[in-house]
Protein backbone atom coordinates (compact mmCIF):
# COMPACT_ATOMS: atom_id res chain seq x y z
CA MET A 1 29.44 -0.81 -11.87
CA GLN A 2 26.87 -0.58 -14.57
CA LYS A 3 27.84 -2.82 -17.58
CA LEU A 4 27.17 -1.21 -21.18
CA LEU A 5 27.47 -3.40 -24.57
CA ILE A 6 29.00 -1.05 -27.50
CA VAL A 7 27.63 -2.79 -30.86
CA ASP A 8 29.03 -1.14 -34.35
CA ASP A 9 30.60 -2.53 -37.28
CA GLU A 10 33.06 0.61 -37.15
CA LYS A 11 36.00 -0.48 -35.13
CA GLY A 12 36.75 3.30 -34.60
CA TYR A 13 33.21 4.22 -32.75
CA ARG A 14 33.79 0.98 -30.72
CA GLU A 15 36.97 2.31 -29.40
CA VAL A 16 35.63 5.95 -28.78
CA LEU A 17 32.91 4.99 -27.03
CA SER A 18 34.56 2.31 -24.81
CA VAL A 19 37.20 5.15 -24.13
CA VAL A 20 34.53 7.77 -22.96
CA PHE A 21 31.93 5.70 -20.80
CA GLY A 22 35.05 3.98 -19.24
CA ASP A 23 36.50 6.85 -18.02
CA GLU A 24 33.05 7.57 -16.77
CA GLY A 25 32.72 4.44 -14.59
CA TYR A 26 31.28 1.92 -16.56
CA GLU A 27 32.00 -1.41 -17.54
CA VAL A 28 32.10 -1.47 -21.28
CA ARG A 29 31.96 -4.89 -23.82
CA THR A 30 31.64 -4.42 -27.60
CA ALA A 31 30.42 -6.38 -30.30
CA VAL A 32 30.87 -6.10 -34.04
CA HIS A 33 27.22 -7.20 -35.29
CA GLY A 34 24.17 -7.86 -33.81
CA ARG A 35 24.26 -11.80 -34.12
CA ALA A 36 27.51 -11.31 -31.69
CA ALA A 37 25.52 -9.00 -29.54
CA VAL A 38 22.79 -11.27 -29.18
CA ALA A 39 24.87 -14.02 -28.39
CA MET A 40 26.91 -12.14 -25.60
CA ILE A 41 23.41 -11.01 -24.25
CA LYS A 42 22.61 -14.60 -23.79
CA LYS A 43 25.65 -15.27 -21.33
CA GLU A 44 25.71 -12.35 -19.76
CA ASN A 45 23.36 -8.92 -17.93
CA PHE A 46 23.91 -5.78 -19.35
CA ASP A 47 22.46 -2.50 -18.36
CA LEU A 48 22.30 -0.89 -21.52
CA ILE A 49 23.14 -1.18 -25.06
CA ILE A 50 24.40 1.28 -27.06
CA SER A 51 24.00 -0.18 -31.08
CA ASP A 52 24.44 1.23 -34.79
CA VAL A 53 21.13 0.53 -36.78
CA ARG A 54 23.04 -0.30 -40.22
CA MET A 55 25.32 -3.40 -39.62
CA PRO A 56 26.27 -6.45 -41.63
CA ASP A 57 24.99 -9.82 -40.84
CA MET A 58 22.07 -8.72 -38.20
CA ASP A 59 21.43 -4.69 -38.18
CA GLY A 60 20.42 -2.89 -35.24
CA ILE A 61 16.65 -3.28 -35.75
CA GLU A 62 16.77 -6.94 -35.92
CA MET A 63 18.82 -7.11 -33.05
CA LEU A 64 16.35 -5.39 -31.02
CA ARG A 65 13.76 -7.43 -32.17
CA LYS A 66 15.91 -10.45 -30.70
CA VAL A 67 17.49 -8.77 -27.67
CA ARG A 68 13.31 -7.95 -26.50
CA GLU A 69 12.93 -11.38 -26.92
CA ILE A 70 15.44 -12.27 -23.94
CA ASP A 71 15.49 -9.04 -22.03
CA ARG A 72 12.53 -6.37 -21.83
CA GLU A 73 14.61 -4.60 -19.04
CA ILE A 74 17.86 -3.58 -20.55
CA GLY A 75 17.92 -0.48 -21.49
CA VAL A 76 18.72 -0.05 -25.58
CA ILE A 77 19.88 3.40 -27.24
CA MET A 78 19.94 3.49 -31.34
CA MET A 79 22.56 5.38 -33.24
CA THR A 80 22.20 5.88 -36.99
CA ALA A 81 23.81 8.11 -39.86
CA PHE A 82 21.10 7.69 -42.07
CA GLY A 83 17.98 8.53 -39.69
CA THR A 84 14.39 8.23 -40.91
CA ILE A 85 11.17 8.31 -39.73
CA ASP A 86 10.45 4.89 -40.46
CA THR A 87 13.61 4.01 -39.05
CA ALA A 88 12.76 5.53 -35.55
CA ARG A 89 9.19 4.41 -35.62
CA GLU A 90 10.38 0.76 -35.69
CA ALA A 91 13.21 1.40 -33.42
CA PHE A 92 10.63 2.74 -30.50
CA LYS A 93 7.74 0.00 -31.64
CA LEU A 94 10.28 -2.70 -30.39
CA GLY A 95 11.08 -0.86 -27.32
CA ALA A 96 14.47 1.40 -27.90
CA ASP A 97 14.66 4.05 -25.14
CA ASP A 98 16.28 6.55 -27.54
CA LEU A 99 17.55 7.02 -31.04
CA VAL A 100 20.72 9.59 -31.68
CA GLN A 101 22.40 10.56 -34.97
CA LYS A 102 25.85 10.01 -35.94
CA PRO A 103 28.03 11.95 -35.55
CA PHE A 104 27.06 12.79 -31.94
CA ASN A 105 28.26 14.87 -29.20
CA ASN A 106 30.14 12.88 -26.84
CA GLU A 107 29.02 14.84 -23.77
CA GLU A 108 25.42 14.71 -25.39
CA LEU A 109 25.55 11.08 -25.91
CA LYS A 110 26.75 10.66 -21.89
CA VAL A 111 23.43 12.67 -20.94
CA THR A 112 21.17 10.07 -22.71
CA VAL A 113 22.96 7.13 -21.30
CA ARG A 114 22.77 8.58 -17.83
CA ARG A 115 19.08 9.66 -18.43
CA THR A 116 18.24 6.29 -19.69
CA LEU A 117 19.59 4.28 -17.08
CA GLU A 118 18.15 6.05 -14.42
CA ARG A 119 14.67 6.00 -16.25
CA ARG A 120 15.31 1.81 -16.25
CA SER A 121 16.51 2.01 -13.03
CA LEU A 122 13.22 3.89 -11.40
CA ALA A 123 10.78 1.67 -13.73
CA THR A 124 12.61 -1.48 -12.46
CA GLU A 125 12.01 -0.03 -8.72
CA ASN A 126 8.42 0.93 -9.22
CA ARG A 127 7.56 -2.70 -10.63
CA ALA A 128 9.36 -4.13 -7.48
CA PHE A 129 7.10 -1.97 -5.59
CA LYS A 130 4.32 -2.58 -7.06
CA ALA A 131 4.82 -6.38 -6.87
CA ALA A 132 5.70 -5.96 -2.94
CA GLN A 133 2.38 -4.03 -2.97
CA ARG A 134 0.49 -6.86 -4.42
CA ARG A 135 2.22 -9.59 -1.97
CA SER A 136 1.36 -7.40 0.78
CA GLY A 137 -2.56 -7.28 -0.01
CA SER A 138 -2.75 -10.73 -1.64
CA LEU A 139 -4.70 -13.23 -0.28
CA GLU A 140 -1.24 -15.14 0.99
CA ASN A 141 -1.22 -12.41 3.55
CA ILE A 142 -4.71 -13.14 5.14
CA VAL A 143 -4.03 -16.07 7.39
CA GLY A 144 -6.23 -18.74 8.22
CA ASN A 145 -8.33 -21.87 6.88
CA SER A 146 -11.20 -22.05 9.02
CA PRO A 147 -14.55 -22.69 7.23
CA LYS A 148 -15.05 -19.00 7.35
CA MET A 149 -11.99 -17.62 6.11
CA GLU A 150 -12.36 -20.24 3.26
CA GLN A 151 -15.93 -18.83 2.79
CA LEU A 152 -14.46 -15.16 2.64
CA PHE A 153 -11.26 -16.00 0.37
CA GLU A 154 -13.89 -17.48 -2.36
CA THR A 155 -16.04 -14.35 -1.81
CA ILE A 156 -12.98 -11.90 -2.71
CA ARG A 157 -11.83 -14.23 -5.63
CA LYS A 158 -15.63 -13.44 -7.09
CA ILE A 159 -16.21 -9.96 -6.90
CA ALA A 160 -12.40 -8.84 -7.26
CA ASN A 161 -12.93 -7.79 -10.99
CA GLU A 162 -16.42 -6.20 -10.26
CA ARG A 163 -16.89 -2.35 -10.91
CA SER A 164 -19.49 -2.32 -7.85
CA THR A 165 -19.10 -0.82 -4.64
CA VAL A 166 -17.73 -3.11 -1.43
CA LEU A 167 -19.03 -2.75 2.20
CA ILE A 168 -16.55 -4.64 4.34
CA SER A 169 -18.04 -4.79 7.86
CA GLY A 170 -16.33 -6.43 11.05
CA GLU A 171 -15.28 -5.60 14.08
CA SER A 172 -12.16 -3.70 14.86
CA GLY A 173 -9.01 -5.56 14.35
CA THR A 174 -10.35 -8.08 12.08
CA GLY A 175 -8.62 -7.03 8.98
CA LYS A 176 -10.74 -5.00 6.84
CA GLU A 177 -8.07 -3.06 5.43
CA LEU A 178 -6.29 -6.22 4.46
CA VAL A 179 -9.19 -7.74 2.79
CA ALA A 180 -9.93 -4.34 1.03
CA ARG A 181 -6.10 -4.44 -0.19
CA ALA A 182 -6.86 -8.24 -1.05
CA ILE A 183 -9.61 -7.14 -3.65
CA HIS A 184 -7.57 -4.35 -5.45
CA ASP A 185 -4.75 -6.76 -5.68
CA ILE A 186 -6.13 -9.72 -7.38
CA SER A 187 -8.55 -7.78 -9.51
CA ASP A 188 -7.67 -6.02 -12.95
CA ARG A 189 -6.99 -2.42 -11.29
CA ARG A 190 -3.96 -4.02 -9.48
CA ASP A 191 -1.25 -1.85 -11.64
CA ARG A 192 -3.35 1.02 -10.63
CA PRO A 193 -3.02 2.81 -6.96
CA PHE A 194 -4.97 1.67 -3.75
CA LEU A 195 -5.50 5.08 -1.57
CA PRO A 196 -6.22 4.43 1.79
CA ILE A 197 -8.31 7.12 4.01
CA ASN A 198 -9.63 7.50 7.26
CA CYS A 199 -13.24 9.21 7.04
CA GLY A 200 -12.93 9.85 10.94
CA ALA A 201 -9.68 11.40 10.91
CA LEU A 202 -10.53 14.55 9.21
CA PRO A 203 -12.58 17.49 9.74
CA ASP A 204 -15.33 17.50 6.33
CA THR A 205 -13.29 20.40 4.75
CA LEU A 206 -10.31 18.37 4.73
CA LEU A 207 -11.88 15.51 4.00
CA GLU A 208 -13.56 16.91 1.03
CA SER A 209 -10.45 18.33 -0.42
CA GLU A 210 -8.51 14.79 0.21
CA LEU A 211 -11.11 13.09 -2.01
CA PHE A 212 -12.24 15.40 -4.51
CA GLY A 213 -8.88 18.06 -4.68
CA HIS A 214 -9.07 21.78 -5.17
CA MET A 215 -8.41 25.02 -6.47
CA LYS A 216 -5.57 27.52 -5.73
CA GLY A 217 -7.20 30.00 -3.47
CA SER A 218 -10.44 28.06 -2.65
CA PHE A 219 -9.72 28.05 1.06
CA THR A 220 -6.82 29.31 3.64
CA GLY A 221 -3.70 27.19 2.74
CA ALA A 222 -4.79 26.27 -0.85
CA GLU A 223 -1.81 27.82 -2.68
CA GLN A 224 -2.33 25.66 -5.51
CA ASN A 225 -4.54 23.27 -7.73
CA ARG A 226 -4.24 19.82 -6.38
CA PRO A 227 -5.74 16.87 -7.42
CA GLY A 228 -7.70 14.60 -5.24
CA MET A 229 -7.70 11.01 -4.43
CA PHE A 230 -10.40 10.13 -7.18
CA GLU A 231 -8.29 11.79 -9.42
CA SER A 232 -5.00 10.13 -8.33
CA ALA A 233 -6.37 6.91 -8.06
CA ALA A 234 -6.74 7.10 -12.32
CA SER A 235 -9.11 3.70 -12.47
CA GLY A 236 -7.81 2.29 -9.20
CA THR A 237 -9.25 1.57 -5.76
CA ILE A 238 -10.09 4.18 -3.18
CA PHE A 239 -10.52 2.73 0.63
CA LEU A 240 -12.86 4.64 2.58
CA ASP A 241 -12.06 3.38 6.23
CA GLU A 242 -14.76 4.21 9.01
CA VAL A 243 -17.03 5.15 6.51
CA SER A 244 -19.70 5.36 8.99
CA GLU A 245 -18.03 8.59 10.58
CA MET A 246 -18.82 10.79 7.47
CA SER A 247 -20.87 13.58 8.53
CA GLN A 248 -24.30 14.16 6.83
CA ALA A 249 -23.02 16.96 4.46
CA MET A 250 -20.21 14.76 3.27
CA GLN A 251 -22.54 11.72 2.66
CA VAL A 252 -24.42 13.53 0.18
CA LYS A 253 -21.20 14.72 -1.90
CA MET A 254 -20.20 11.09 -1.63
CA LEU A 255 -23.73 9.67 -2.79
CA ARG A 256 -23.66 12.03 -5.71
CA VAL A 257 -20.00 11.13 -6.95
CA LEU A 258 -20.83 7.17 -6.45
CA GLN A 259 -24.19 8.26 -8.71
CA GLU A 260 -23.07 10.41 -11.10
CA ARG A 261 -19.13 9.00 -11.27
CA ARG A 262 -18.25 12.64 -11.68
CA ILE A 263 -16.17 14.67 -9.00
CA ARG A 264 -15.99 18.41 -8.37
CA ARG A 265 -12.79 20.13 -6.78
CA VAL A 266 -13.10 22.23 -4.29
CA GLY A 267 -13.59 25.90 -5.55
CA SER A 268 -14.30 24.38 -9.17
CA ALA A 269 -17.14 24.98 -11.29
CA GLU A 270 -15.89 22.27 -13.64
CA GLU A 271 -16.67 18.73 -12.95
CA ALA A 272 -14.36 15.59 -14.01
CA GLU A 273 -15.32 12.02 -14.77
CA VAL A 274 -13.88 9.29 -12.52
CA ASP A 275 -13.46 5.56 -12.97
CA THR A 276 -12.69 4.78 -9.76
CA ARG A 277 -13.60 1.41 -7.74
CA VAL A 278 -14.69 2.59 -3.83
CA ILE A 279 -14.32 -0.02 -1.24
CA ALA A 280 -15.96 1.22 2.22
CA ALA A 281 -15.32 -0.11 5.60
CA THR A 282 -17.03 -0.10 9.02
CA ASN A 283 -17.04 -1.38 12.37
CA ARG A 284 -20.31 0.08 13.40
CA ASP A 285 -23.87 -1.38 12.41
CA LEU A 286 -24.67 0.88 9.34
CA ARG A 287 -28.53 -0.43 9.04
CA ALA A 288 -28.83 0.50 13.04
CA MET A 289 -27.68 4.15 12.00
CA VAL A 290 -29.91 3.96 8.89
CA GLU A 291 -32.92 3.59 11.27
CA GLU A 292 -31.77 6.13 13.77
CA GLY A 293 -31.37 8.73 10.89
CA SER A 294 -27.48 9.20 11.21
CA PHE A 295 -26.20 7.79 8.29
CA ARG A 296 -28.14 7.98 4.65
CA GLN A 297 -30.61 4.99 3.53
CA ASP A 298 -29.39 5.59 0.07
CA LEU A 299 -25.73 6.32 0.49
CA PHE A 300 -25.84 3.01 2.56
CA TYR A 301 -27.58 0.64 -0.65
CA ARG A 302 -25.10 2.67 -2.73
CA ILE A 303 -21.68 1.31 -0.72
CA SER A 304 -23.12 -2.00 0.19
CA VAL A 305 -23.69 -3.15 -3.14
CA ILE A 306 -21.44 -6.01 -2.40
CA PRO A 307 -21.35 -6.70 1.45
CA ILE A 308 -18.48 -8.40 3.14
CA GLN A 309 -18.45 -9.65 6.67
CA VAL A 310 -15.00 -10.19 8.16
CA PRO A 311 -15.42 -12.60 11.03
CA PRO A 312 -14.02 -11.81 14.67
CA LEU A 313 -11.40 -13.88 16.07
CA ARG A 314 -13.27 -15.71 18.75
CA GLU A 315 -15.49 -17.14 15.65
CA ARG A 316 -12.64 -18.82 13.94
CA SER A 317 -10.59 -19.47 17.07
CA ASP A 318 -9.27 -22.52 15.01
CA ASP A 319 -6.93 -20.10 13.07
CA ILE A 320 -5.31 -18.71 16.27
CA PRO A 321 -2.24 -21.38 16.25
CA THR A 322 -1.79 -20.66 12.77
CA LEU A 323 -1.89 -16.67 13.07
CA ALA A 324 0.47 -17.10 16.35
CA GLU A 325 3.04 -19.01 14.40
CA HIS A 326 2.79 -16.53 11.33
CA PHE A 327 3.37 -13.85 13.82
CA ILE A 328 5.99 -15.01 15.84
CA LYS A 329 8.18 -16.02 12.69
CA ARG A 330 7.65 -12.67 11.14
CA PHE A 331 8.85 -10.83 14.40
CA SER A 332 11.59 -13.16 14.97
CA GLU A 333 12.71 -12.74 11.37
CA GLY A 334 12.39 -8.90 11.49
CA SER A 335 14.53 -8.72 14.81
CA GLY A 336 17.25 -11.03 13.78
CA LYS A 337 16.57 -13.64 16.30
CA THR A 338 15.07 -17.35 16.75
CA VAL A 339 12.59 -17.78 19.50
CA ARG A 340 10.64 -20.96 20.10
CA ILE A 341 7.13 -21.44 21.06
CA GLY A 342 6.52 -22.35 24.75
CA ARG A 343 4.91 -25.52 25.89
CA ASN A 344 1.10 -24.64 26.01
CA LEU A 345 1.36 -21.55 24.84
CA LEU A 346 -0.84 -21.96 21.56
CA GLY A 347 -3.47 -23.48 23.83
CA GLU A 348 -3.51 -20.47 26.50
CA LEU A 349 -3.82 -18.15 22.98
CA SER A 350 -6.61 -20.43 21.84
CA ALA A 351 -8.30 -20.24 25.08
CA ARG A 352 -8.45 -16.48 25.09
CA LYS A 353 -11.36 -14.30 23.59
CA TRP A 354 -9.32 -11.61 22.23
CA PRO A 355 -11.88 -8.66 21.86
CA GLY A 356 -9.37 -6.38 19.84
CA ASN A 357 -9.41 -10.00 17.71
CA VAL A 358 -6.26 -10.57 14.98
CA ARG A 359 -4.62 -6.47 15.80
CA GLU A 360 -4.76 -7.53 19.35
CA LEU A 361 -2.92 -10.96 18.89
CA GLU A 362 -0.51 -9.28 16.57
CA HIS A 363 0.67 -6.96 19.04
CA THR A 364 0.82 -9.10 22.13
CA LEU A 365 3.21 -11.77 20.27
CA GLU A 366 5.17 -8.43 18.84
CA ARG A 367 5.53 -7.70 22.65
CA ALA A 368 6.31 -11.26 23.70
CA VAL A 369 9.01 -11.55 20.89
CA ALA A 370 10.41 -8.48 21.82
CA LEU A 371 10.45 -9.55 25.82
CA THR A 372 12.37 -13.06 24.84
CA ASP A 373 15.87 -13.35 24.61
CA ALA A 374 17.47 -14.70 21.61
CA GLY A 375 17.10 -18.62 21.38
CA GLY A 376 14.62 -18.28 24.28
CA GLU A 377 11.36 -19.51 24.68
CA ILE A 378 7.98 -17.43 24.74
CA SER A 379 6.27 -18.04 27.94
CA VAL A 380 2.61 -17.79 28.98
CA ASP A 381 4.06 -14.81 31.20
CA ASN A 382 4.91 -13.03 27.96
CA ILE A 383 1.41 -12.96 26.51
CA SER A 384 -0.44 -10.91 29.45
CA THR A 385 -2.93 -8.61 27.42
CA ASP A 386 -5.06 -6.76 30.40
CA PHE A 387 -4.20 -3.66 31.84
CA PRO A 388 -1.99 -3.40 34.87
CA SER A 389 -3.72 -3.42 38.24
CA LYS A 390 -2.47 0.11 38.90
CA SER A 391 -4.77 1.38 35.98
CA LEU A 392 -7.95 0.33 37.88
CA PRO A 393 -7.53 0.95 41.40
CA THR A 394 -10.13 -0.13 43.83
CA HIS A 395 -11.37 2.35 46.69
CA SER A 396 -13.26 2.62 49.75
CA LEU A 397 -15.40 5.54 50.39
CA PRO A 398 -13.70 7.73 52.53
CA ALA A 399 -15.48 8.71 55.94
CA GLU A 400 -15.77 12.19 54.74
CA GLY A 401 -16.96 11.03 51.49
CA LEU A 402 -15.57 12.25 48.01
CA HIS A 403 -16.45 14.32 45.01
CA LEU A 404 -17.63 11.52 42.61
CA PRO A 405 -17.35 13.44 39.28
CA THR A 406 -13.66 14.40 40.13
CA PHE A 407 -12.43 11.36 41.30
CA LEU A 408 -13.94 8.99 38.03
CA SER A 409 -12.62 11.95 35.67
CA GLN A 410 -9.32 11.24 37.50
CA ILE A 411 -9.34 7.58 37.10
CA GLU A 412 -10.87 8.01 33.14
CA ARG A 413 -7.72 10.29 32.81
CA SER A 414 -5.28 7.72 33.80
CA ILE A 415 -6.86 5.14 31.80
CA VAL A 416 -6.44 7.15 28.47
CA GLU A 417 -3.17 8.16 29.18
CA GLU A 418 -2.08 4.78 29.73
CA ALA A 419 -3.77 3.56 26.42
CA LEU A 420 -1.94 6.38 24.57
CA ALA A 421 1.15 5.10 25.66
CA ARG A 422 0.69 1.60 24.79
CA CYS A 423 -0.64 2.43 21.47
CA LYS A 424 1.10 3.40 18.33
CA ASN A 425 -1.73 6.27 17.33
CA GLN A 426 -4.85 7.43 18.54
CA THR A 427 -6.96 4.50 16.26
CA GLN A 428 -5.15 1.70 18.14
CA ALA A 429 -6.01 3.33 21.81
CA ALA A 430 -9.77 3.56 20.50
CA GLU A 431 -9.66 -0.11 19.91
CA LEU A 432 -8.12 -0.94 23.02
CA LEU A 433 -10.49 1.24 24.97
CA LYS A 434 -13.50 0.00 23.12
CA ILE A 435 -14.87 3.32 22.02
CA GLU A 436 -14.76 5.39 18.38
CA VAL A 437 -11.85 7.51 17.56
CA TYR A 438 -14.33 10.47 17.94
CA GLN A 439 -14.79 9.60 21.33
CA LEU A 440 -11.38 9.39 22.09
CA ARG A 441 -10.87 12.93 20.74
CA HIS A 442 -13.44 13.87 22.87
CA LEU A 443 -11.85 12.75 26.20
CA LEU A 444 -8.28 14.14 24.86
CA ASP A 445 -10.11 17.27 24.49
CA LYS A 446 -11.97 17.08 27.85
CA HIS A 447 -8.70 16.44 29.99
CA GLY A 448 -6.23 18.63 27.88
CA LEU A 449 -4.19 15.46 26.52
CA ARG A 450 -3.94 16.85 22.51
């Protein structure tokens, strides 16, 4: 039940509003002037105040000033029979949500109250959502205290508020997007959007539309004008994952945007200026791609103004016990059960190579927690990360021989199917198979697995 406070020195208004909003299902309290209202707000929580402006002892404007010192989230609607522009200006300056004229229509006031409460509730949820986003991308969520990770944290802190582009390099599963989110969420852009996109997941036409937007009728399916991510980010951050998979044509367009800080929607002749920070990531060697001609040198220099290298797990094995305890605690809480870490488990985890890096460790422990009974102990048997033996069959050559391409194709299809079954999406399956996403898609087409 939402709680309203009616503040008015006229008893008639207090009684009428108490009945009107009590019948609407609100809990209603009243105060005879601003000073009494401030005293009540210090002791009780209210969702909305409806207050007269002109009152003895402490008027509504002074009361509003005091209220905002105590609580900036509470909704406030001011009432006045002597409305002036100066009164309205002062009320809104101090954070009033609305100003209504006496005498008022009860039904219209009900709508105003409902709209104010909804707007306040939405704003509170939005702040909570942004706070949760900041927590999910903060440095606290990047687990590790090894020297290499401490160096990474220091770099993130130093460059967070820079406008320059950042290139995050590292093997698959090392947490490159987590680093990008941390950079955004401790920067002065934290209250603006963080918009990620996988450059290898979309064909050129869709990628260009997603990034730069399009105009109605510019291509089949473009039924209305639509802003792209550069416009939607609005002084925030765009994260270009797998930037190495951009085609040469898209590389040219991205280079121009980064140089000019201007974008042009697909199908438009007009340009718009943008102030959006770009953070890119890749698990490939872009310098080698530049040398072989598959990635533009000028774009490479433009996106790698600030390079960051995320170390693979094998180079920070000291962090594995801490990571393991972190993941086990998180998955245990998520499943609503408590599990114990078995003897020798952390040692076994630390001894493994983890080619899939932190993501592989995370998924392994998620499965281990799921397979362990409540109150039970995670054993070494629950952390197997190898393919089952049936996935890698061994065969001797039959006396009559065999058609090798067909035989190898059957094995290839079987392994791809199993990788897809084990993973949540194609990106994870490609990482498990140690290939790029575009190579996996080629295999899916080849074997009719789309």
